[in-house]
Amino acid sequence: MRGFFGIGVERINKPYNVGNLFRSAHAFGASFVFTVDATYERQKGTRSDTSDSMGQVPFYSFPDVPSLLLPKGCALVGVELLDDAVDLPSFRHPTQAAYVLGPERASLSPALVERCDHVIKIPTRFCLNVGIAGALVMYDRMTSLGRFAPRPVRPGGPTEELPAHTNGAPKLRRRAAMEVFRDAPPLGELGVTEADES
């Protein structure tokens, strides 16, 4: 599967939910996990994180929304039951994404929702446990972006083999067309000093 993803929570205070979410993230192949403005006992969270995800997956703790840093090109996707949020089954996952969920008994803060590139919702009657919601989002990402044999029309396993993966032909770009993307090299690479310029 191409790309990468991370998953985190804002203002969470229940350590077992954090441990549950991070364990699922490790199982689904997350590239990183994070918290924003969290107030939980980190040591207690390891009790429900039986895979030791914190030893396997990079963890980032951000004190507030403005300090949240993501890799370049990584879309922030909020998971929240909002009227104008996109239903998860209809959502096209970005190749590079960080998913963020709200705390128990509350929602994502308006500041974080404003910062999101997309907001999605799991079409349920009421809110789910944070760990469960995160697992559903990661499962949906895996099934929609991964390579799996097609589902059969009748109940049961696949009846068709997964087609062999083929690479497309190489794309050759003309050198002249690529020049528009070239930056001027730093002065040191040209052997020019500031004194030479004046």
Protein backbone atom coordinates (compact mmCIF):
# COMPACT_ATOMS: atom_id res chain seq x y z
CA MET A 1 0.00 0.00 0.00
CA ARG A 2 1.40 3.40 -0.94
CA GLY A 3 1.72 6.39 1.37
CA PHE A 4 1.67 6.53 5.15
CA PHE A 5 -0.67 7.44 7.97
CA GLY A 6 -0.65 8.41 11.60
CA ILE A 7 -3.44 8.54 14.14
CA GLY A 8 -3.95 10.47 17.36
CA VAL A 9 -6.35 11.96 19.87
CA GLU A 10 -7.05 15.39 21.26
CA ARG A 11 -7.66 16.17 24.96
CA ILE A 12 -7.88 12.51 25.95
CA ASN A 13 -7.76 11.56 29.63
CA LYS A 14 -8.48 7.81 29.73
CA PRO A 15 -5.20 5.87 29.50
CA TYR A 16 -6.73 2.53 28.50
CA ASN A 17 -8.39 4.10 25.47
CA VAL A 18 -5.06 5.58 24.38
CA GLY A 19 -3.35 2.22 24.81
CA ASN A 20 -6.12 0.49 22.86
CA LEU A 21 -5.94 2.99 20.00
CA PHE A 22 -2.15 2.89 19.77
CA ARG A 23 -2.11 -0.93 19.85
CA SER A 24 -4.57 -0.99 16.93
CA ALA A 25 -2.48 1.63 15.11
CA HIS A 26 0.59 -0.60 15.48
CA ALA A 27 -1.40 -3.59 14.14
CA PHE A 28 -2.64 -1.62 11.10
CA GLY A 29 0.86 -0.35 10.27
CA ALA A 30 0.65 3.30 11.37
CA SER A 31 3.78 5.33 10.75
CA PHE A 32 3.27 7.41 13.91
CA VAL A 33 0.84 8.08 16.75
CA PHE A 34 0.23 11.33 18.63
CA THR A 35 -1.74 13.18 21.26
CA VAL A 36 -2.79 16.84 21.41
CA ASP A 37 -3.40 18.45 24.82
CA ALA A 38 -3.65 15.05 26.52
CA THR A 39 -4.08 14.60 30.29
CA TYR A 40 -3.74 10.85 30.89
CA GLU A 41 -1.24 8.82 32.90
CA ARG A 42 1.02 7.50 30.17
CA GLN A 43 2.27 4.58 32.26
CA LYS A 44 -1.28 3.25 32.74
CA GLY A 45 -1.88 3.30 28.99
CA THR A 46 0.74 0.60 28.51
CA ARG A 47 -1.50 -1.90 30.35
CA SER A 48 -3.93 -2.05 27.44
CA ASP A 49 -1.16 -1.69 24.84
CA THR A 50 0.02 -5.30 24.89
CA SER A 51 2.00 -4.94 21.64
CA ASP A 52 4.27 -2.25 23.13
CA SER A 53 3.38 0.10 20.29
CA MET A 54 5.30 2.97 21.91
CA GLY A 55 8.48 0.92 21.44
CA GLN A 56 7.65 0.19 17.78
CA VAL A 57 5.92 3.30 16.41
CA PRO A 58 7.08 6.92 16.81
CA PHE A 59 4.98 8.83 19.38
CA TYR A 60 4.53 12.62 19.46
CA SER A 61 2.91 14.57 22.27
CA PHE A 62 1.76 18.08 21.34
CA PRO A 63 0.74 20.45 24.17
CA ASP A 64 -1.86 22.30 22.07
CA VAL A 65 -3.34 22.63 18.58
CA PRO A 66 -0.93 25.34 17.31
CA SER A 67 2.06 23.13 18.13
CA LEU A 68 0.73 20.17 16.09
CA LEU A 69 3.28 19.46 13.36
CA LEU A 70 2.76 17.01 10.52
CA PRO A 71 5.02 15.86 7.68
CA LYS A 72 4.91 17.97 4.52
CA GLY A 73 1.99 16.93 2.32
CA CYS A 74 0.23 15.06 5.13
CA ALA A 75 -3.52 15.82 5.27
CA LEU A 76 -5.14 16.17 8.70
CA VAL A 77 -8.42 14.23 8.86
CA GLY A 78 -10.73 14.85 11.81
CA VAL A 79 -13.08 12.07 12.92
CA GLU A 80 -16.20 13.65 14.43
CA LEU A 81 -20.00 13.32 14.31
CA LEU A 82 -20.69 16.64 12.59
CA ASP A 83 -23.61 17.29 10.24
CA ASP A 84 -21.35 18.37 7.38
CA ALA A 85 -18.74 15.63 7.90
CA VAL A 86 -18.28 13.09 5.10
CA ASP A 87 -19.56 9.57 5.83
CA LEU A 88 -16.59 7.22 6.19
CA PRO A 89 -17.83 4.71 3.55
CA SER A 90 -17.95 7.55 0.98
CA PHE A 91 -14.55 9.06 1.86
CA ARG A 92 -11.47 8.75 -0.38
CA HIS A 93 -8.51 8.51 2.00
CA PRO A 94 -5.50 10.73 1.23
CA THR A 95 -2.33 8.78 0.47
CA GLN A 96 -0.56 10.69 3.26
CA ALA A 97 -2.86 11.30 6.22
CA ALA A 98 -3.02 11.88 9.96
CA TYR A 99 -6.34 11.02 11.60
CA VAL A 100 -7.35 12.72 14.83
CA LEU A 101 -10.20 11.75 17.14
CA GLY A 102 -11.81 13.68 19.95
CA PRO A 103 -11.86 12.81 23.66
CA GLU A 104 -14.39 10.73 25.52
CA ARG A 105 -17.67 12.54 26.24
CA ALA A 106 -16.61 15.54 24.15
CA SER A 107 -15.79 16.59 20.60
CA LEU A 108 -12.79 17.83 18.70
CA SER A 109 -12.11 21.43 19.62
CA PRO A 110 -13.24 24.09 17.12
CA ALA A 111 -9.58 25.08 16.66
CA LEU A 112 -8.65 21.55 15.61
CA VAL A 113 -11.68 21.14 13.34
CA GLU A 114 -10.67 24.42 11.65
CA ARG A 115 -7.17 23.03 11.12
CA CYS A 116 -8.43 19.80 9.48
CA ASP A 117 -8.24 19.32 5.72
CA HIS A 118 -11.16 16.86 5.92
CA VAL A 119 -13.69 15.85 8.58
CA ILE A 120 -15.26 12.42 8.42
CA LYS A 121 -17.83 10.60 10.52
CA ILE A 122 -18.63 6.98 11.15
CA PRO A 123 -22.36 6.65 10.33
CA THR A 124 -23.57 5.42 13.72
CA ARG A 125 -26.47 6.50 15.95
CA PHE A 126 -24.14 7.81 18.65
CA CYS A 127 -20.44 8.14 19.44
CA LEU A 128 -18.25 5.07 19.70
CA ASN A 129 -15.36 4.35 22.03
CA VAL A 130 -12.21 6.15 20.84
CA GLY A 131 -10.28 2.92 20.33
CA ILE A 132 -13.12 1.33 18.34
CA ALA A 133 -13.64 4.43 16.20
CA GLY A 134 -9.94 4.63 15.40
CA ALA A 135 -9.82 0.93 14.46
CA LEU A 136 -12.79 1.37 12.10
CA VAL A 137 -11.12 4.30 10.34
CA MET A 138 -7.85 2.39 9.95
CA TYR A 139 -9.68 -0.71 8.70
CA ASP A 140 -11.56 1.38 6.13
CA ARG A 141 -8.27 2.92 4.99
CA MET A 142 -6.69 -0.52 4.61
CA THR A 143 -9.61 -2.00 2.66
CA SER A 144 -9.99 1.00 0.34
CA LEU A 145 -6.28 1.59 -0.41
CA GLY A 146 -4.92 -1.97 -0.13
CA ARG A 147 -4.88 -4.72 -2.74
CA PHE A 148 -7.38 -7.47 -2.00
CA ALA A 149 -9.28 -9.95 -4.13
CA PRO A 150 -12.74 -8.59 -5.07
CA ARG A 151 -15.68 -9.48 -2.83
CA PRO A 152 -17.93 -12.13 -4.33
CA VAL A 153 -21.58 -11.50 -5.13
CA ARG A 154 -22.64 -14.39 -2.86
CA PRO A 155 -21.71 -14.85 0.80
CA GLY A 156 -18.27 -16.29 1.42
CA GLY A 157 -14.70 -15.75 0.39
CA PRO A 158 -13.37 -14.48 -2.92
CA THR A 159 -14.08 -16.54 -6.03
CA GLU A 160 -11.63 -14.60 -8.21
CA GLU A 161 -7.87 -14.52 -7.81
CA LEU A 162 -6.19 -11.22 -7.09
CA PRO A 163 -4.68 -10.10 -10.41
CA ALA A 164 -0.89 -9.92 -10.49
CA HIS A 165 0.46 -6.44 -9.89
CA THR A 166 1.93 -4.76 -12.95
CA ASN A 167 3.96 -1.61 -13.16
CA GLY A 168 3.23 0.96 -15.80
CA ALA A 169 5.74 1.97 -18.44
CA PRO A 170 8.41 4.43 -17.29
CA LYS A 171 7.60 8.11 -17.72
CA LEU A 172 10.39 9.96 -19.45
CA ARG A 173 10.47 13.70 -18.90
CA ARG A 174 12.31 16.05 -21.19
CA ARG A 175 15.11 17.90 -19.44
CA ALA A 176 13.89 21.27 -20.78
CA ALA A 177 10.40 20.74 -19.34
CA MET A 178 11.88 20.02 -15.90
CA GLU A 179 13.93 23.25 -15.80
CA VAL A 180 10.89 25.21 -14.57
CA PHE A 181 11.13 23.28 -11.30
CA ARG A 182 14.84 23.89 -10.74
CA ASP A 183 15.83 26.34 -8.00
CA ALA A 184 18.88 28.54 -8.22
CA PRO A 185 21.72 26.76 -6.38
CA PRO A 186 23.05 28.30 -3.17
CA LEU A 187 26.01 30.65 -3.60
CA GLY A 188 28.42 28.11 -2.10
CA GLU A 189 27.68 25.60 -4.85
CA LEU A 190 28.56 28.15 -7.53
CA GLY A 191 31.85 29.05 -5.89
CA VAL A 192 30.60 32.65 -5.58
CA THR A 193 30.90 34.60 -2.37
CA GLU A 194 28.94 37.61 -1.29
CA ALA A 195 32.10 39.67 -1.77
CA ASP A 196 32.29 38.61 -5.43
CA GLU A 197 28.75 39.81 -6.03
CA SER A 198 29.37 43.38 -4.85
